[in-house]
C-alpha atoms as a PDB file:
ATOM      1  CA  MET A   1     -15.461   1.421 -19.359  1.00  0.00           C
ATOM      2  CA  TRP A   2     -17.175  -1.778 -19.581  1.00  0.00           C
ATOM      3  CA  GLN A   3     -13.737  -3.830 -19.653  1.00  0.00           C
ATOM      4  CA  GLU A   4     -12.641  -1.871 -16.484  1.00  0.00           C
ATOM      5  CA  LEU A   5     -15.886  -2.656 -14.660  1.00  0.00           C
ATOM      6  CA  LEU A   6     -15.587  -6.295 -15.778  1.00  0.00           C
ATOM      7  CA  LYS A   7     -11.791  -6.281 -14.386  1.00  0.00           C
ATOM      8  CA  ILE A   8     -13.025  -4.662 -11.005  1.00  0.00           C
ATOM      9  CA  LEU A   9     -16.144  -7.112 -10.890  1.00  0.00           C
ATOM     10  CA  SER A  10     -13.469 -10.056 -11.584  1.00  0.00           C
ATOM     11  CA  LYS A  11     -11.045  -8.803  -8.568  1.00  0.00           C
ATOM     12  CA  LEU A  12     -14.169  -8.511  -6.131  1.00  0.00           C
ATOM     13  CA  SER A  13     -15.085 -12.055  -6.950  1.00  0.00           C
ATOM     14  CA  SER A  14     -11.249 -12.963  -6.294  1.00  0.00           C
ATOM     15  CA  ASP A  15     -11.051 -11.289  -3.126  1.00  0.00           C
ATOM     16  CA  TYR A  16     -14.261 -12.520  -2.199  1.00  0.00           C
ATOM     17  CA  GLY A  17     -13.614 -16.092  -2.608  1.00  0.00           C
ATOM     18  CA  VAL A  18     -10.497 -16.056  -0.987  1.00  0.00           C
ATOM     19  CA  VAL A  19     -12.519 -14.153   2.046  1.00  0.00           C
ATOM     20  CA  ALA A  20     -15.220 -17.432   1.818  1.00  0.00           C
ATOM     21  CA  ALA A  21     -12.409 -19.861   2.163  1.00  0.00           C
ATOM     22  CA  LEU A  22     -10.753 -17.682   5.069  1.00  0.00           C
ATOM     23  CA  GLY A  23     -14.272 -18.477   6.436  1.00  0.00           C
ATOM     24  CA  LYS A  24     -14.284 -21.858   6.174  1.00  0.00           C
ATOM     25  CA  GLU A  25     -10.766 -21.932   7.930  1.00  0.00           C
ATOM     26  CA  LYS A  26     -12.294 -19.678  10.438  1.00  0.00           C
ATOM     27  CA  HIS A  27     -15.339 -21.924  11.238  1.00  0.00           C
ATOM     28  CA  ARG A  28     -12.462 -25.124  11.831  1.00  0.00           C
ATOM     29  CA  ALA A  29     -10.800 -22.896  14.067  1.00  0.00           C
ATOM     30  CA  LEU A  30     -13.155 -21.580  15.900  1.00  0.00           C
ATOM     31  CA  VAL A  31     -14.708 -25.347  16.448  1.00  0.00           C
ATOM     32  CA  GLY A  32     -11.670 -26.124  17.496  1.00  0.00           C
ATOM     33  CA  VAL A  33     -10.823 -23.454  19.694  1.00  0.00           C
ATOM     34  CA  ASP A  34      -7.196 -22.827  17.984  1.00  0.00           C
ATOM     35  CA  MET A  35      -6.808 -19.437  18.930  1.00  0.00           C
ATOM     36  CA  LYS A  36      -3.506 -18.727  16.857  1.00  0.00           C
ATOM     37  CA  THR A  37      -5.104 -19.777  13.916  1.00  0.00           C
ATOM     38  CA  LEU A  38      -8.175 -17.307  14.486  1.00  0.00           C
ATOM     39  CA  ASP A  39      -5.926 -14.438  15.221  1.00  0.00           C
ATOM     40  CA  ARG A  40      -3.997 -15.006  11.923  1.00  0.00           C
ATOM     41  CA  LEU A  41      -7.121 -15.328   9.910  1.00  0.00           C
ATOM     42  CA  ILE A  42      -8.766 -12.033  11.776  1.00  0.00           C
ATOM     43  CA  LYS A  43      -5.418 -10.360  10.383  1.00  0.00           C
ATOM     44  CA  ARG A  44      -5.552 -11.801   7.009  1.00  0.00           C
ATOM     45  CA  GLU A  45      -9.719 -10.685   6.708  1.00  0.00           C
ATOM     46  CA  ALA A  46      -9.271  -7.510   7.726  1.00  0.00           C
ATOM     47  CA  ASP A  47      -6.170  -6.675   5.118  1.00  0.00           C
ATOM     48  CA  LEU A  48      -8.842  -8.208   2.503  1.00  0.00           C
ATOM     49  CA  ALA A  49     -11.981  -6.203   4.088  1.00  0.00           C
ATOM     50  CA  SER A  50      -9.617  -3.185   3.185  1.00  0.00           C
ATOM     51  CA  SER A  51      -8.639  -4.130  -0.342  1.00  0.00           C
ATOM     52  CA  ILE A  52     -12.151  -5.246  -1.102  1.00  0.00           C
ATOM     53  CA  GLN A  53     -13.192  -1.614   0.755  1.00  0.00           C
ATOM     54  CA  LYS A  54     -11.452   0.038  -2.057  1.00  0.00           C
ATOM     55  CA  THR A  55     -11.745  -1.706  -4.967  1.00  0.00           C
ATOM     56  CA  GLU A  56     -16.090  -1.380  -4.195  1.00  0.00           C
ATOM     57  CA  SER A  57     -15.129   2.660  -4.265  1.00  0.00           C
ATOM     58  CA  ALA A  58     -13.418   2.091  -7.608  1.00  0.00           C
ATOM     59  CA  ARG A  59     -16.330  -0.014  -8.806  1.00  0.00           C
ATOM     60  CA  GLN A  60     -18.924   3.018  -7.668  1.00  0.00           C
ATOM     61  CA  GLU A  61     -16.823   5.690  -9.277  1.00  0.00           C
ATOM     62  CA  LEU A  62     -16.745   3.467 -12.511  1.00  0.00           C
ATOM     63  CA  CYS A  63     -20.648   3.481 -12.499  1.00  0.00           C
ATOM     64  CA  LEU A  64     -21.026   6.570 -11.873  1.00  0.00           C
ATOM     65  CA  LYS A  65     -18.882   7.749 -14.992  1.00  0.00           C
ATOM     66  CA  ILE A  66     -20.848   4.272 -16.981  1.00  0.00           C
ATOM     67  CA  ILE A  67     -24.378   6.758 -16.260  1.00  0.00           C
ATOM     68  CA  LYS A  68     -23.174   9.544 -17.162  1.00  0.00           C
ATOM     69  CA  ALA A  69     -21.741   8.647 -20.569  1.00  0.00           C
ATOM     70  CA  TYR A  70     -25.289   6.500 -21.078  1.00  0.00           C
ATOM     71  CA  PRO A  71     -28.351   8.922 -20.524  1.00  0.00           C
ATOM     72  CA  SER A  72     -30.262   5.960 -21.207  1.00  0.00           C
ATOM     73  CA  ILE A  73     -29.519   4.883 -17.681  1.00  0.00           C
ATOM     74  CA  THR A  74     -32.251   5.579 -14.992  1.00  0.00           C
ATOM     75  CA  PRO A  75     -32.038   5.121 -11.583  1.00  0.00           C
ATOM     76  CA  GLU A  76     -34.692   2.809 -11.484  1.00  0.00           C
ATOM     77  CA  MET A  77     -32.548   0.523 -13.647  1.00  0.00           C
ATOM     78  CA  LYS A  78     -30.796  -2.754 -12.463  1.00  0.00           C
ATOM     79  CA  MET A  79     -27.042  -3.851 -13.289  1.00  0.00           C
ATOM     80  CA  GLN A  80     -28.215  -6.215 -15.026  1.00  0.00           C
ATOM     81  CA  GLU A  81     -30.530  -4.253 -17.551  1.00  0.00           C
ATOM     82  CA  ALA A  82     -27.565  -1.382 -17.877  1.00  0.00           C
ATOM     83  CA  TYR A  83     -25.093  -4.453 -18.831  1.00  0.00           C
ATOM     84  CA  GLN A  84     -27.187  -4.919 -22.355  1.00  0.00           C
ATOM     85  CA  LEU A  85     -25.581  -1.536 -23.182  1.00  0.00           C
ATOM     86  CA  ALA A  86     -21.792  -3.153 -23.018  1.00  0.00           C
ATOM     87  CA  GLY A  87     -22.123  -5.243 -26.427  1.00  0.00           C
ATOM     88  CA  PRO A  88     -20.517  -7.784 -26.711  1.00  0.00           C
ATOM     89  CA  LEU A  89     -19.302  -7.955 -23.248  1.00  0.00           C
ATOM     90  CA  ALA A  90     -23.004  -8.022 -21.850  1.00  0.00           C
ATOM     91  CA  GLY A  91     -22.582 -11.722 -21.351  1.00  0.00           C
ATOM     92  CA  GLU A  92     -19.648 -11.757 -19.257  1.00  0.00           C
ATOM     93  CA  LEU A  93     -20.566  -8.816 -17.451  1.00  0.00           C
ATOM     94  CA  LYS A  94     -24.034 -10.447 -16.507  1.00  0.00           C
ATOM     95  CA  SER A  95     -22.047 -13.720 -15.322  1.00  0.00           C
ATOM     96  CA  ALA A  96     -19.259 -12.008 -13.405  1.00  0.00           C
ATOM     97  CA  HIS A  97     -22.193  -9.985 -11.674  1.00  0.00           C
ATOM     98  CA  GLU A  98     -24.074 -13.171 -10.620  1.00  0.00           C
ATOM     99  CA  ALA A  99     -20.604 -14.837  -9.608  1.00  0.00           C
ATOM    100  CA  LEU A 100     -20.046 -12.002  -7.358  1.00  0.00           C
ATOM    101  CA  THR A 101     -23.837 -11.904  -5.949  1.00  0.00           C
ATOM    102  CA  LYS A 102     -23.461 -15.431  -4.936  1.00  0.00           C
ATOM    103  CA  LEU A 103     -19.929 -15.368  -3.867  1.00  0.00           C
ATOM    104  CA  VAL A 104     -21.163 -12.192  -1.057  1.00  0.00           C
ATOM    105  CA  GLU A 105     -24.390 -14.070  -0.223  1.00  0.00           C
ATOM    106  CA  ASP A 106     -21.777 -16.956   0.846  1.00  0.00           C
ATOM    107  CA  VAL A 107     -19.817 -14.891   2.569  1.00  0.00           C
ATOM    108  CA  LYS A 108     -22.548 -13.042   5.044  1.00  0.00           C
ATOM    109  CA  SER A 109     -23.782 -16.862   5.573  1.00  0.00           C
ATOM    110  CA  GLN A 110     -20.471 -18.046   6.654  1.00  0.00           C
ATOM    111  CA  ALA A 111     -19.824 -15.153   8.699  1.00  0.00           C
ATOM    112  CA  GLU A 112     -23.697 -15.232  10.759  1.00  0.00           C
ATOM    113  CA  ILE A 113     -22.706 -18.841  11.164  1.00  0.00           C
ATOM    114  CA  ASN A 114     -19.138 -17.975  12.789  1.00  0.00           C
ATOM    115  CA  ASN A 115     -20.424 -15.386  14.633  1.00  0.00           C
ATOM    116  CA  ILE A 116     -22.706 -17.656  16.098  1.00  0.00           C
ATOM    117  CA  LEU A 117     -20.002 -20.079  17.329  1.00  0.00           C
ATOM    118  CA  ALA A 118     -17.805 -16.992  18.514  1.00  0.00           C
ATOM    119  CA  MET A 119     -20.551 -15.800  20.510  1.00  0.00           C
ATOM    120  CA  GLY A 120     -21.189 -19.419  21.841  1.00  0.00           C
ATOM    121  CA  ALA A 121     -17.503 -19.836  22.456  1.00  0.00           C
ATOM    122  CA  LEU A 122     -17.271 -16.680  24.595  1.00  0.00           C
ATOM    123  CA  GLY A 123     -20.414 -18.020  26.565  1.00  0.00           C
ATOM    124  CA  ALA A 124     -18.285 -21.208  27.268  1.00  0.00           C
ATOM    125  CA  VAL A 125     -15.361 -19.013  28.493  1.00  0.00           C
ATOM    126  CA  ASN A 126     -17.315 -16.508  30.661  1.00  0.00           C
ATOM    127  CA  GLN A 127     -18.941 -19.547  32.587  1.00  0.00           C
ATOM    128  CA  ARG A 128     -15.611 -21.199  32.857  1.00  0.00           C
ATOM    129  CA  LEU A 129     -14.073 -18.117  34.540  1.00  0.00           C
ATOM    130  CA  GLY A 130     -17.038 -17.744  36.846  1.00  0.00           C
ATOM    131  CA  GLN A 131     -16.476 -21.503  37.673  1.00  0.00           C
ATOM    132  CA  ILE A 132     -13.070 -20.202  38.532  1.00  0.00           C
ATOM    133  CA  GLY A 133     -13.911 -17.468  40.244  1.00  0.00           C
ATOM    134  CA  GLY A 134     -16.335 -19.028  42.184  1.00  0.00           C
ATOM    135  CA  VAL A 135     -19.887 -17.153  40.459  1.00  0.00           C
ATOM    136  CA  SER A 136     -22.953 -18.748  40.766  1.00  0.00           C
ATOM    137  CA  VAL A 137     -26.426 -17.968  39.938  1.00  0.00           C
ATOM    138  CA  ASP A 138     -29.280 -18.677  42.032  1.00  0.00           C
ATOM    139  CA  PRO A 139     -32.086 -21.384  40.885  1.00  0.00           C
ATOM    140  CA  VAL A 140     -34.432 -18.060  41.630  1.00  0.00           C
ATOM    141  CA  TYR A 141     -34.910 -14.572  40.677  1.00  0.00           C
ATOM    142  CA  GLY A 142     -34.074 -11.476  42.281  1.00  0.00           C
ATOM    143  CA  ARG A 143     -35.686  -8.288  42.307  1.00  0.00           C
ATOM    144  CA  GLY A 144     -36.915  -7.187  39.222  1.00  0.00           C
ATOM    145  CA  GLY A 145     -36.617 -10.300  37.489  1.00  0.00           C
ATOM    146  CA  ARG A 146     -33.071 -10.416  37.837  1.00  0.00           C
ATOM    147  CA  GLU A 147     -30.740 -13.001  38.432  1.00  0.00           C
ATOM    148  CA  ASN A 148     -29.453 -13.583  41.574  1.00  0.00           C
ATOM    149  CA  VAL A 149     -25.574 -13.755  41.487  1.00  0.00           C
ATOM    150  CA  SER A 150     -23.298 -14.942  44.492  1.00  0.00           C
ATOM    151  CA  HIS A 151     -19.977 -14.757  44.701  1.00  0.00           C
ATOM    152  CA  ARG A 152     -17.916 -17.724  46.975  1.00  0.00           C
ATOM    153  CA  GLN A 153     -14.077 -16.928  47.717  1.00  0.00           C
ATOM    154  CA  ASN A 154     -11.572 -19.231  46.252  1.00  0.00           C
ATOM    155  CA  PHE A 155      -8.906 -17.548  46.488  1.00  0.00           C
ATOM    156  CA  GLU A 156      -6.956 -16.782  49.968  1.00  0.00           C
ATOM    157  CA  TYR A 157      -5.549 -13.494  49.931  1.00  0.00           C
ATOM    158  CA  ASP A 158      -3.816 -13.584  53.827  1.00  0.00           C
ATOM    159  CA  ALA A 159      -1.358 -16.379  52.585  1.00  0.00           C
END
């Protein structure tokens, strides 16, 4: 069982490593406003997310089997402590666990940065669409503290 857990942790690390690399590519695509690359990366991330979800489900099922096989494992124990029961694989399991934890943190951090970039890009697109459509925000607030938005007709519909 421990050997199988080690294989699952390695698979998760491999998948998260690819997600981290895609996150860096996504960052470059967002900065460069390369929509084709961004679309390709998002599709690839979706495929990897599905794979990670399946592998994570297998990891959870295996952990339940390990808990049943080792009654000395308590709910309060961390996985790092439970790895001591793995005998000679304990060291490998700990290092695989630590590497996976670091990768997941890196992926989360990169996703937050990319989310901020995407929101900024959407704001810029909305502003540009507003300029094209003739929308402007008045320098004073209206009723209820809301912005006053005026629309100028930039298109001649009678033509």
